[in-house]
Protein backbone atom coordinates (compact mmCIF):
# COMPACT_ATOMS: atom_id res chain seq x y z
CA MET A 1 24.14 55.67 89.74
CA VAL A 2 20.66 55.91 88.25
CA VAL A 3 18.35 58.81 89.04
CA SER A 4 14.68 57.99 88.54
CA HIS A 5 11.53 59.97 89.21
CA ALA A 6 9.11 57.04 88.95
CA ARG A 7 6.12 56.23 91.15
CA GLY A 8 5.77 53.01 93.11
CA LYS A 9 5.10 49.89 91.07
CA THR A 10 2.45 48.32 93.30
CA LYS A 11 -1.16 49.24 94.11
CA PRO A 12 -2.46 49.48 97.70
CA SER A 13 -4.14 46.11 97.07
CA GLY A 14 -0.79 44.51 96.25
CA GLY A 15 -1.39 44.27 92.49
CA LYS A 16 1.15 45.53 89.98
CA LYS A 17 0.75 48.78 88.04
CA LYS A 18 1.21 48.78 84.27
CA SER A 19 3.31 51.60 82.85
CA ALA A 20 1.53 53.85 80.34
CA ARG A 21 4.77 54.46 78.47
CA GLY A 22 8.44 53.53 78.54
CA LYS A 23 11.45 55.53 79.69
CA LYS A 24 12.29 58.87 78.09
CA LEU A 25 15.73 59.98 76.97
CA SER A 26 15.18 63.34 78.71
CA HIS A 27 14.91 61.58 82.08
CA LYS A 28 18.42 60.20 81.77
CA GLY A 29 21.21 61.59 83.95
CA ARG A 30 24.83 62.27 83.00
CA ILE A 31 28.08 60.57 83.97
CA PRO A 32 29.74 62.54 86.82
CA THR A 33 32.60 64.83 85.80
CA LEU A 34 34.93 63.98 88.72
CA THR A 35 37.05 67.16 88.64
CA LYS A 36 40.67 66.42 89.55
CA ILE A 37 43.69 68.47 90.64
CA GLY A 38 46.01 69.22 87.72
CA GLU A 39 46.53 71.42 84.69
CA LEU A 40 43.39 73.42 83.73
CA LYS A 41 41.12 71.47 81.36
CA ARG A 42 37.56 72.46 80.54
CA LYS A 43 34.92 70.97 78.26
CA THR A 44 31.72 72.44 76.83
CA ILE A 45 28.72 70.12 76.82
CA ARG A 46 25.27 70.50 75.29
CA THR A 47 22.40 70.61 77.77
CA LYS A 48 18.62 70.50 77.50
CA GLY A 49 17.10 73.11 75.21
CA GLY A 50 20.27 73.49 73.12
CA HIS A 51 22.06 75.44 75.85
CA SER A 52 25.67 74.77 76.79
CA LYS A 53 27.53 74.26 80.05
CA ARG A 54 31.28 74.55 80.67
CA VAL A 55 32.50 71.87 83.03
CA THR A 56 35.95 71.72 84.62
CA LEU A 57 37.74 68.41 84.18
CA SER A 58 40.85 69.44 86.12
CA THR A 59 42.24 72.58 87.77
CA GLU A 60 45.04 73.62 90.09
CA VAL A 61 43.77 77.10 91.07
CA VAL A 62 40.91 78.09 93.39
CA ASN A 63 39.18 81.46 93.88
CA LEU A 64 39.60 81.81 97.64
CA PHE A 65 37.58 84.16 99.87
CA ASN A 66 39.43 84.72 103.15
CA GLY A 67 36.76 86.79 104.93
CA THR A 68 37.69 90.20 103.55
CA LYS A 69 38.90 89.76 99.98
CA HIS A 70 39.07 87.29 97.10
CA GLU A 71 42.40 85.90 95.89
CA LYS A 72 43.68 83.03 93.78
CA ALA A 73 45.37 80.13 95.55
CA LYS A 74 47.07 76.95 94.37
CA ILE A 75 45.39 73.67 95.36
CA LEU A 76 47.82 71.26 97.00
CA THR A 77 45.64 68.29 98.00
CA VAL A 78 42.18 67.14 99.11
CA LEU A 79 41.90 66.64 102.87
CA GLU A 80 38.30 65.45 103.24
CA SER A 81 35.26 64.94 100.98
CA PRO A 82 31.64 64.73 102.19
CA ALA A 83 30.48 63.18 98.90
CA ASN A 84 32.62 60.04 99.00
CA ARG A 85 35.47 58.97 101.28
CA HIS A 86 37.42 57.56 98.32
CA PHE A 87 37.47 60.99 96.61
CA THR A 88 40.02 62.10 99.23
CA ARG A 89 42.80 59.77 98.09
CA ARG A 90 41.88 60.27 94.40
CA ASN A 91 42.01 64.11 94.80
CA ILE A 92 38.55 64.65 93.28
CA LEU A 93 36.93 68.06 93.85
CA THR A 94 33.22 68.33 94.71
CA LYS A 95 31.09 70.86 96.57
CA GLY A 96 31.87 70.86 100.31
CA THR A 97 35.31 69.29 99.91
CA ILE A 98 37.98 70.50 102.35
CA ILE A 99 41.18 71.26 100.43
CA ASN A 100 44.69 72.29 101.42
CA THR A 101 45.96 75.36 99.54
CA ASP A 102 49.15 77.40 99.70
CA LYS A 103 47.13 79.97 101.73
CA GLY A 104 45.71 77.42 104.23
CA LYS A 105 42.68 75.14 104.46
CA ALA A 106 39.53 75.95 102.46
CA ARG A 107 36.05 74.51 101.78
CA ILE A 108 34.75 74.44 98.19
CA THR A 109 31.42 76.29 97.79
CA SER A 110 30.89 75.90 94.02
CA ARG A 111 30.18 72.81 91.93
CA PRO A 112 33.25 72.41 89.66
CA GLY A 113 31.70 69.64 87.58
CA GLN A 114 28.61 71.77 86.87
CA ASN A 115 29.52 75.45 86.59
CA GLY A 116 33.16 75.45 85.54
CA SER A 117 34.73 77.43 88.40
CA VAL A 118 36.21 76.44 91.74
CA ASP A 119 35.27 78.88 94.52
CA ALA A 120 36.20 78.33 98.16
CA VAL A 121 36.03 79.91 101.61
CA SER A 122 38.99 79.71 103.98
CA VAL A 123 38.52 77.52 107.05
CA LYS A 124 40.24 78.28 110.35
């Protein structure tokens, strides 16, 4: 998957536009993390400006909000994923994924591959 922020390559007259410069390394994206269910594994990566980001490679615990309080719950399986239908059978966690926990169904509200934690809200 390539993310590009380029303009159109043709003029209104139909002629082709010439690029003033080539591609920049800073415009490049990153390979998706694809956080899985399993023993907790995290990785620190360098980001733009020398900053760092902790990404979760795999986890088995979710911070669950059940309407009144927060509690930790064990992730059993992925029930449905809005990002990709194949993520369900591969048990990959992304934002918006419906998961089955030992405390009931929940929807992930955080981005595990970006911010390192898995937060969820219980679903009735």
